[in-house]
Amino acid sequence: MRLSLHCELKENEIPLDYRRKIVSMFKRCLTNYDKDVYNKYYHMRDPIQKEFTFSNYFQKPIMKKETIEIPNKRIIINFSTSDNVIGIDFYNAFVKNLYQEIRFSNLNSIKITRIVVQKERKIVSNKVVFRTQSPLIVRDHHPESGKDWYYSCNDMNFEKFLKRNLYNQLKDKFSEKIEKDLENLSIRKVDMKKIIVTSYGIKMASSIGSFEMEGEQYILNEIYQSGAGSKKSLGFSMVDIV
């Protein structure tokens, strides 16, 4: 399921680290809708893996040192998931909060004014070109030290750790053959570049642009619907078909 949320801001400036504010908006929508549904996805501080991703669109934003100015005070948030239950839960929560003002930052609020269910495309070949809708995060997490390393398209180990991220996300959903199918997945950078992004105060290397994947259709469709890399539910790694 792919949704577009058309939103209006009270004021025309938002923080540079705005994705965390969108996550807070999602949490508020779920809480207002059904606290049991909220707990399915954000129970206390448990690291619940969430199979959805989102991106955003601003029209002619003006980048400042600490904030982003959005002259028309409008944001489009694109939400996508391969899981129908997740899609229905979030759709119902967004509908429940339609036209309701939700705190976005200290001096700002946001409200959803329109919800559009987008038509999904079905990948029916074994090769597809994706374009990032939000920065692609590739992460190597070390459980012993608790430290993370981030890889961009410029790094030699980019493909290796992208496949590892995909395996960690898909291993519980699909059969044992997922490991072998990911090994055989071909990734070719078409037009990509490195950028630095911030999430919850942490600066991370990421990648934007187009890349080609060749592999099993179920993997390609899952990537299209739920994202390609790490930190998907924090507003990263969303893709669309070129």
Protein backbone atom coordinates (compact mmCIF):
# COMPACT_ATOMS: atom_id res chain seq x y z
CA MET A 1 0.00 0.00 0.00
CA ARG A 2 1.24 3.46 -0.94
CA LEU A 3 -0.31 6.59 0.55
CA SER A 4 0.29 10.29 0.04
CA LEU A 5 -0.54 12.58 2.97
CA HIS A 6 -1.06 16.20 1.97
CA CYS A 7 -0.26 18.29 5.03
CA GLU A 8 -0.29 21.95 6.04
CA LEU A 9 1.98 23.62 8.57
CA LYS A 10 0.98 26.47 10.89
CA GLU A 11 4.35 28.20 10.39
CA ASN A 12 6.71 28.08 7.43
CA GLU A 13 9.89 26.79 9.14
CA ILE A 14 10.75 23.29 10.32
CA PRO A 15 13.92 21.85 11.93
CA LEU A 16 16.67 20.39 9.73
CA ASP A 17 16.16 17.10 11.59
CA TYR A 18 12.51 17.09 10.57
CA ARG A 19 12.05 13.35 9.92
CA ARG A 20 11.89 12.66 13.65
CA LYS A 21 9.01 15.14 13.83
CA ILE A 22 7.15 13.18 11.17
CA VAL A 23 7.72 10.00 13.21
CA SER A 24 6.26 11.80 16.24
CA MET A 25 3.27 12.77 14.10
CA PHE A 26 2.76 9.10 13.16
CA LYS A 27 2.89 8.15 16.84
CA ARG A 28 0.32 10.78 17.76
CA CYS A 29 -2.00 9.65 14.96
CA LEU A 30 -1.79 6.02 16.15
CA THR A 31 -2.33 7.00 19.80
CA ASN A 32 -5.39 9.08 18.92
CA TYR A 33 -6.75 6.19 16.86
CA ASP A 34 -6.12 3.16 19.10
CA LYS A 35 -3.50 2.76 21.83
CA ASP A 36 -3.35 -1.01 21.28
CA VAL A 37 -2.48 -0.40 17.63
CA TYR A 38 0.16 2.13 18.72
CA ASN A 39 1.73 -0.50 20.99
CA LYS A 40 2.06 -2.91 18.07
CA TYR A 41 4.59 -0.58 16.48
CA TYR A 42 6.00 1.58 19.28
CA HIS A 43 5.80 -0.46 22.48
CA MET A 44 7.75 1.40 25.16
CA ARG A 45 11.27 1.59 23.73
CA ASP A 46 11.47 -1.93 22.32
CA PRO A 47 13.32 -2.10 18.96
CA ILE A 48 10.31 -3.32 16.98
CA GLN A 49 11.20 -3.77 13.30
CA LYS A 50 8.62 -1.88 11.25
CA GLU A 51 8.04 -2.89 7.64
CA PHE A 52 7.22 0.50 6.21
CA THR A 53 9.06 3.47 4.84
CA PHE A 54 8.27 7.09 4.04
CA SER A 55 9.60 10.10 2.20
CA ASN A 56 8.54 13.72 1.90
CA TYR A 57 8.25 16.44 -0.70
CA PHE A 58 8.68 20.19 -0.18
CA GLN A 59 8.04 22.73 -2.93
CA LYS A 60 10.95 25.14 -3.33
CA PRO A 61 12.41 24.77 0.19
CA ILE A 62 14.96 27.31 1.43
CA MET A 63 17.77 25.68 3.41
CA LYS A 64 19.02 27.65 6.41
CA LYS A 65 21.63 26.92 9.06
CA GLU A 66 19.26 25.36 11.60
CA THR A 67 15.93 25.19 9.79
CA ILE A 68 14.20 24.68 6.45
CA GLU A 69 11.84 27.37 5.23
CA ILE A 70 8.81 26.11 3.29
CA PRO A 71 7.18 29.17 1.71
CA ASN A 72 3.80 27.54 0.96
CA LYS A 73 3.68 25.73 4.35
CA ARG A 74 2.83 22.44 2.66
CA ILE A 75 4.38 18.98 2.93
CA ILE A 76 3.52 15.80 1.06
CA ILE A 77 4.45 12.67 3.03
CA ASN A 78 4.63 9.46 1.00
CA PHE A 79 4.09 6.28 3.02
CA SER A 80 4.62 2.74 1.72
CA THR A 81 4.43 -0.81 3.09
CA SER A 82 4.22 -4.36 1.73
CA ASP A 83 2.11 -5.43 4.73
CA ASN A 84 -1.65 -4.90 4.30
CA VAL A 85 -2.27 -4.93 8.07
CA ILE A 86 0.28 -2.16 8.61
CA GLY A 87 -1.19 -0.24 5.70
CA ILE A 88 -4.75 -0.47 7.05
CA ASP A 89 -3.66 0.43 10.61
CA PHE A 90 -1.84 3.56 9.49
CA TYR A 91 -4.49 4.54 6.95
CA ASN A 92 -7.20 4.35 9.61
CA ALA A 93 -5.02 6.35 12.02
CA PHE A 94 -4.43 9.05 9.41
CA VAL A 95 -8.15 9.24 8.60
CA LYS A 96 -8.95 9.54 12.32
CA ASN A 97 -6.64 12.57 12.53
CA LEU A 98 -7.72 14.28 9.31
CA TYR A 99 -7.79 18.09 9.82
CA GLN A 100 -6.56 17.72 13.41
CA GLU A 101 -3.66 19.96 14.45
CA ILE A 102 -0.70 17.95 15.76
CA ARG A 103 2.34 19.49 17.40
CA PHE A 104 5.31 19.38 15.01
CA SER A 105 7.95 21.44 16.81
CA ASN A 106 8.10 23.98 19.62
CA LEU A 107 6.39 26.74 17.65
CA ASN A 108 4.75 24.78 14.88
CA SER A 109 1.95 22.32 14.21
CA ILE A 110 0.86 20.18 11.26
CA LYS A 111 -2.45 18.82 10.01
CA ILE A 112 -3.35 16.26 7.38
CA THR A 113 -5.74 17.80 4.84
CA ARG A 114 -5.93 15.05 2.23
CA ILE A 115 -5.10 11.33 1.97
CA VAL A 116 -4.50 9.76 -1.44
CA VAL A 117 -4.20 6.00 -1.98
CA GLN A 118 -1.64 5.63 -4.76
CA LYS A 119 -1.79 2.93 -7.40
CA GLU A 120 1.04 0.44 -6.86
CA ARG A 121 3.06 -0.93 -9.73
CA LYS A 122 3.83 -4.64 -9.98
CA ILE A 123 7.33 -5.72 -10.93
CA VAL A 124 6.97 -8.61 -13.40
CA SER A 125 10.56 -8.89 -14.64
CA ASN A 126 13.81 -9.78 -12.92
CA LYS A 127 15.43 -6.42 -13.60
CA VAL A 128 14.34 -2.95 -12.48
CA VAL A 129 15.79 0.53 -12.07
CA PHE A 130 14.92 2.22 -8.78
CA ARG A 131 15.22 5.89 -7.90
CA THR A 132 15.55 6.91 -4.25
CA GLN A 133 12.63 8.88 -2.83
CA SER A 134 14.48 9.42 0.44
CA PRO A 135 18.22 8.97 1.17
CA LEU A 136 19.35 5.34 1.09
CA ILE A 137 20.95 4.32 4.39
CA VAL A 138 23.32 1.34 4.48
CA ARG A 139 24.36 0.46 8.01
CA ASP A 140 26.77 -1.97 9.64
CA HIS A 141 25.74 -2.43 13.27
CA HIS A 142 28.15 -3.96 15.80
CA PRO A 143 26.08 -5.46 18.67
CA GLU A 144 29.10 -5.86 20.96
CA SER A 145 30.09 -2.21 20.90
CA GLY A 146 26.68 -0.80 19.99
CA LYS A 147 28.35 1.31 17.30
CA ASP A 148 27.14 1.87 13.74
CA TRP A 149 29.07 2.45 10.53
CA TYR A 150 27.36 3.96 7.50
CA TYR A 151 28.30 3.34 3.87
CA SER A 152 27.53 5.45 0.81
CA CYS A 153 27.60 4.54 -2.86
CA ASN A 154 31.23 5.71 -2.92
CA ASP A 155 32.36 2.98 -0.49
CA MET A 156 33.77 -0.37 -1.58
CA ASN A 157 31.56 -2.30 0.89
CA PHE A 158 28.32 -0.52 -0.09
CA GLU A 159 26.81 -3.52 -1.90
CA LYS A 160 27.95 -6.02 0.74
CA PHE A 161 26.25 -4.22 3.61
CA LEU A 162 23.18 -3.28 1.58
CA LYS A 163 22.59 -6.99 1.02
CA ARG A 164 23.20 -7.67 4.71
CA ASN A 165 20.62 -5.01 5.64
CA LEU A 166 18.14 -6.63 3.25
CA TYR A 167 18.81 -10.08 4.70
CA ASN A 168 18.20 -8.89 8.27
CA GLN A 169 14.91 -7.33 7.19
CA LEU A 170 13.62 -10.22 5.06
CA LYS A 171 14.89 -13.40 6.75
CA ASP A 172 11.86 -13.79 9.03
CA LYS A 173 9.34 -13.05 6.29
CA PHE A 174 10.62 -15.39 3.59
CA SER A 175 11.97 -18.93 3.43
CA GLU A 176 15.54 -20.07 3.88
CA LYS A 177 16.23 -19.46 0.19
CA ILE A 178 16.32 -15.69 0.84
CA GLU A 179 20.02 -15.89 1.76
CA LYS A 180 20.96 -17.52 -1.55
CA ASP A 181 18.68 -15.26 -3.56
CA LEU A 182 20.25 -12.16 -2.00
CA GLU A 183 23.72 -13.49 -2.79
CA ASN A 184 22.65 -13.67 -6.43
CA LEU A 185 21.08 -10.21 -6.39
CA SER A 186 22.91 -7.89 -8.78
CA ILE A 187 23.21 -4.19 -7.88
CA ARG A 188 24.49 -1.62 -10.37
CA LYS A 189 24.82 2.06 -9.62
CA VAL A 190 23.33 4.12 -12.46
CA ASP A 191 23.48 7.72 -11.25
CA MET A 192 24.15 7.99 -7.53
CA LYS A 193 25.91 10.37 -5.21
CA LYS A 194 26.78 10.58 -1.54
CA ILE A 195 25.09 13.03 0.80
CA ILE A 196 25.22 13.54 4.58
CA VAL A 197 21.92 13.44 6.46
CA THR A 198 20.95 13.93 10.10
CA SER A 199 18.61 11.75 12.14
CA TYR A 200 18.06 12.26 15.88
CA GLY A 201 21.19 14.42 15.94
CA ILE A 202 23.41 11.79 14.30
CA LYS A 203 25.08 12.61 10.98
CA MET A 204 25.15 9.68 8.54
CA ALA A 205 26.55 8.99 5.09
CA SER A 206 23.77 8.11 2.63
CA SER A 207 23.11 7.88 -1.10
CA ILE A 208 20.58 9.34 -3.50
CA GLY A 209 19.93 8.69 -7.18
CA SER A 210 19.21 5.71 -9.41
CA PHE A 211 20.40 2.12 -9.28
CA GLU A 212 19.56 -1.09 -11.11
CA MET A 213 18.75 -4.38 -9.40
CA GLU A 214 18.46 -7.79 -11.03
CA GLY A 215 17.15 -10.71 -9.01
CA GLU A 216 14.07 -12.59 -7.86
CA GLN A 217 10.81 -10.72 -8.39
CA TYR A 218 9.61 -11.19 -4.79
CA ILE A 219 12.73 -9.41 -3.52
CA LEU A 220 12.38 -6.55 -6.01
CA ASN A 221 8.70 -6.08 -5.14
CA GLU A 222 9.46 -6.11 -1.40
CA ILE A 223 12.13 -3.44 -1.89
CA TYR A 224 9.72 -1.32 -3.94
CA GLN A 225 6.99 -1.59 -1.32
CA SER A 226 8.93 -1.43 1.97
CA GLY A 227 12.27 0.19 1.14
CA ALA A 228 15.79 -0.82 0.22
CA GLY A 229 18.07 -0.20 3.19
CA SER A 230 18.23 0.68 6.87
CA LYS A 231 16.22 3.13 9.02
CA LYS A 232 13.22 2.81 6.70
CA SER A 233 10.61 3.66 9.33
CA LEU A 234 12.57 6.83 10.21
CA GLY A 235 12.06 8.28 6.74
CA PHE A 236 14.93 6.76 4.78
CA SER A 237 15.55 4.20 2.02
CA MET A 238 12.25 4.62 0.15
CA VAL A 239 12.43 3.96 -3.60
CA ASP A 240 10.23 4.22 -6.67
CA ILE A 241 10.41 2.54 -10.07
CA VAL A 242 11.95 4.60 -12.86
